[in-house]
Amino acid sequence: MRLLIMIIIGVALVLLLLLTCPKPRQHTAMWVFSLAWLGVCAWNLSVGLSHGYALGEELLVHALLFGVPAGLGWWRVCREPSSA
C-alpha cells in the first residue's frame, strides 16, 4: 500500500511541476525532479533495508517507485516539441 501511495505522490509532483513550469525550462526541471526523486527513493530504500527487507526484494520495488513518476515526466517532456 505504501508503494502505491508513494507512486501517486511522485506522479502528482511531476505533473504539478510540469504544469507550473514554463515549456522552455521543463527539461531542466525534469533533471532536478529526477535527482530529487532519486534521493527520496534512496532514503526509502535505506528505511526498508533497516527494517529487515532484503536488497533483492527492495530493488524491484524501488525500480517501480522511481521509474513510474520519472518515466512519465520524461515521456511528457520529450514527446512535446520544444517551443523555445
C-alpha atoms as a PDB file:
ATOM      1  CA  MET A   1       0.000   0.000   0.000  1.00  0.00           C
ATOM      2  CA  ARG A   2       2.860   2.365   0.809  1.00  0.00           C
ATOM      3  CA  LEU A   3       4.329   1.724  -2.653  1.00  0.00           C
ATOM      4  CA  LEU A   4       1.106   2.806  -4.338  1.00  0.00           C
ATOM      5  CA  ILE A   5       0.873   5.938  -2.192  1.00  0.00           C
ATOM      6  CA  MET A   6       4.489   6.881  -2.961  1.00  0.00           C
ATOM      7  CA  ILE A   7       3.965   6.362  -6.710  1.00  0.00           C
ATOM      8  CA  ILE A   8       0.815   8.524  -6.626  1.00  0.00           C
ATOM      9  CA  ILE A   9       2.711  11.246  -4.741  1.00  0.00           C
ATOM     10  CA  GLY A  10       5.551  11.101  -7.282  1.00  0.00           C
ATOM     11  CA  VAL A  11       3.205  11.267 -10.261  1.00  0.00           C
ATOM     12  CA  ALA A  12       1.285  14.167  -8.692  1.00  0.00           C
ATOM     13  CA  LEU A  13       4.522  16.051  -8.009  1.00  0.00           C
ATOM     14  CA  VAL A  14       5.886  15.584 -11.512  1.00  0.00           C
ATOM     15  CA  LEU A  15       2.593  16.607 -13.128  1.00  0.00           C
ATOM     16  CA  LEU A  16       2.338  19.658 -10.871  1.00  0.00           C
ATOM     17  CA  LEU A  17       5.915  20.580 -11.735  1.00  0.00           C
ATOM     18  CA  LEU A  18       5.314  20.284 -15.469  1.00  0.00           C
ATOM     19  CA  LEU A  19       2.044  22.206 -15.333  1.00  0.00           C
ATOM     20  CA  THR A  20       3.577  25.126 -13.437  1.00  0.00           C
ATOM     21  CA  CYS A  21       6.935  25.247 -15.218  1.00  0.00           C
ATOM     22  CA  PRO A  22       7.293  27.177 -18.495  1.00  0.00           C
ATOM     23  CA  LYS A  23       7.888  24.979 -21.550  1.00  0.00           C
ATOM     24  CA  PRO A  24      11.492  26.074 -22.227  1.00  0.00           C
ATOM     25  CA  ARG A  25      12.520  25.133 -18.677  1.00  0.00           C
ATOM     26  CA  GLN A  26      10.723  21.795 -18.388  1.00  0.00           C
ATOM     27  CA  HIS A  27      13.767  19.793 -19.467  1.00  0.00           C
ATOM     28  CA  THR A  28      15.872  21.327 -16.689  1.00  0.00           C
ATOM     29  CA  ALA A  29      13.012  20.935 -14.215  1.00  0.00           C
ATOM     30  CA  MET A  30      12.798  17.227 -15.044  1.00  0.00           C
ATOM     31  CA  TRP A  31      16.517  16.806 -14.339  1.00  0.00           C
ATOM     32  CA  VAL A  32      16.051  18.463 -10.949  1.00  0.00           C
ATOM     33  CA  PHE A  33      12.959  16.366 -10.210  1.00  0.00           C
ATOM     34  CA  SER A  34      14.699  13.141 -11.267  1.00  0.00           C
ATOM     35  CA  LEU A  35      17.655  13.770  -8.975  1.00  0.00           C
ATOM     36  CA  ALA A  36      15.442  14.807  -6.068  1.00  0.00           C
ATOM     37  CA  TRP A  37      13.134  11.807  -6.556  1.00  0.00           C
ATOM     38  CA  LEU A  38      16.166   9.529  -6.740  1.00  0.00           C
ATOM     39  CA  GLY A  39      17.220  10.920  -3.353  1.00  0.00           C
ATOM     40  CA  VAL A  40      13.763  10.231  -1.923  1.00  0.00           C
ATOM     41  CA  CYS A  41      13.873   6.680  -3.311  1.00  0.00           C
ATOM     42  CA  ALA A  42      17.362   6.109  -1.883  1.00  0.00           C
ATOM     43  CA  TRP A  43      16.185   7.273   1.542  1.00  0.00           C
ATOM     44  CA  ASN A  44      13.135   4.992   1.289  1.00  0.00           C
ATOM     45  CA  LEU A  45      15.415   2.106   0.282  1.00  0.00           C
ATOM     46  CA  SER A  46      17.583   2.651   3.349  1.00  0.00           C
ATOM     47  CA  VAL A  47      14.487   2.646   5.563  1.00  0.00           C
ATOM     48  CA  GLY A  48      13.320  -0.636   4.022  1.00  0.00           C
ATOM     49  CA  LEU A  49      16.738  -2.226   4.469  1.00  0.00           C
ATOM     50  CA  SER A  50      16.912  -1.083   8.083  1.00  0.00           C
ATOM     51  CA  HIS A  51      13.586  -2.822   8.719  1.00  0.00           C
ATOM     52  CA  GLY A  52      14.986  -6.152   7.614  1.00  0.00           C
ATOM     53  CA  TYR A  53      13.942  -6.408   3.977  1.00  0.00           C
ATOM     54  CA  ALA A  54      16.470  -7.941   1.587  1.00  0.00           C
ATOM     55  CA  LEU A  55      18.116  -5.797  -1.067  1.00  0.00           C
ATOM     56  CA  GLY A  56      16.784  -8.067  -3.817  1.00  0.00           C
ATOM     57  CA  GLU A  57      13.208  -7.503  -2.645  1.00  0.00           C
ATOM     58  CA  GLU A  58      13.663  -3.772  -2.336  1.00  0.00           C
ATOM     59  CA  LEU A  59      15.322  -3.187  -5.722  1.00  0.00           C
ATOM     60  CA  LEU A  60      12.287  -4.218  -7.745  1.00  0.00           C
ATOM     61  CA  VAL A  61      10.009  -2.117  -5.564  1.00  0.00           C
ATOM     62  CA  HIS A  62      12.264   0.918  -5.888  1.00  0.00           C
ATOM     63  CA  ALA A  63      12.666   0.463  -9.630  1.00  0.00           C
ATOM     64  CA  LEU A  64       8.893   0.951  -9.863  1.00  0.00           C
ATOM     65  CA  LEU A  65       8.896   3.703  -7.260  1.00  0.00           C
ATOM     66  CA  PHE A  66      11.471   5.720  -9.183  1.00  0.00           C
ATOM     67  CA  GLY A  67      10.661   4.626 -12.717  1.00  0.00           C
ATOM     68  CA  VAL A  68       6.948   5.350 -12.919  1.00  0.00           C
ATOM     69  CA  PRO A  69       6.979   9.065 -11.949  1.00  0.00           C
ATOM     70  CA  ALA A  70      10.317   9.833 -13.614  1.00  0.00           C
ATOM     71  CA  GLY A  71       9.420   7.893 -16.758  1.00  0.00           C
ATOM     72  CA  LEU A  72       6.051   9.612 -17.012  1.00  0.00           C
ATOM     73  CA  GLY A  73       7.652  13.030 -16.620  1.00  0.00           C
ATOM     74  CA  TRP A  74      10.393  12.381 -19.173  1.00  0.00           C
ATOM     75  CA  TRP A  75       7.873  10.920 -21.601  1.00  0.00           C
ATOM     76  CA  ARG A  76       5.723  14.009 -21.298  1.00  0.00           C
ATOM     77  CA  VAL A  77       8.660  16.392 -21.740  1.00  0.00           C
ATOM     78  CA  CYS A  78      10.214  14.539 -24.677  1.00  0.00           C
ATOM     79  CA  ARG A  79       7.031  13.896 -26.667  1.00  0.00           C
ATOM     80  CA  GLU A  80       6.185  17.593 -26.994  1.00  0.00           C
ATOM     81  CA  PRO A  81       8.168  19.693 -29.458  1.00  0.00           C
ATOM     82  CA  SER A  82      10.062  22.450 -27.693  1.00  0.00           C
ATOM     83  CA  SER A  83       8.886  25.935 -28.496  1.00  0.00           C
ATOM     84  CA  ALA A  84      11.966  27.883 -27.456  1.00  0.00           C
END
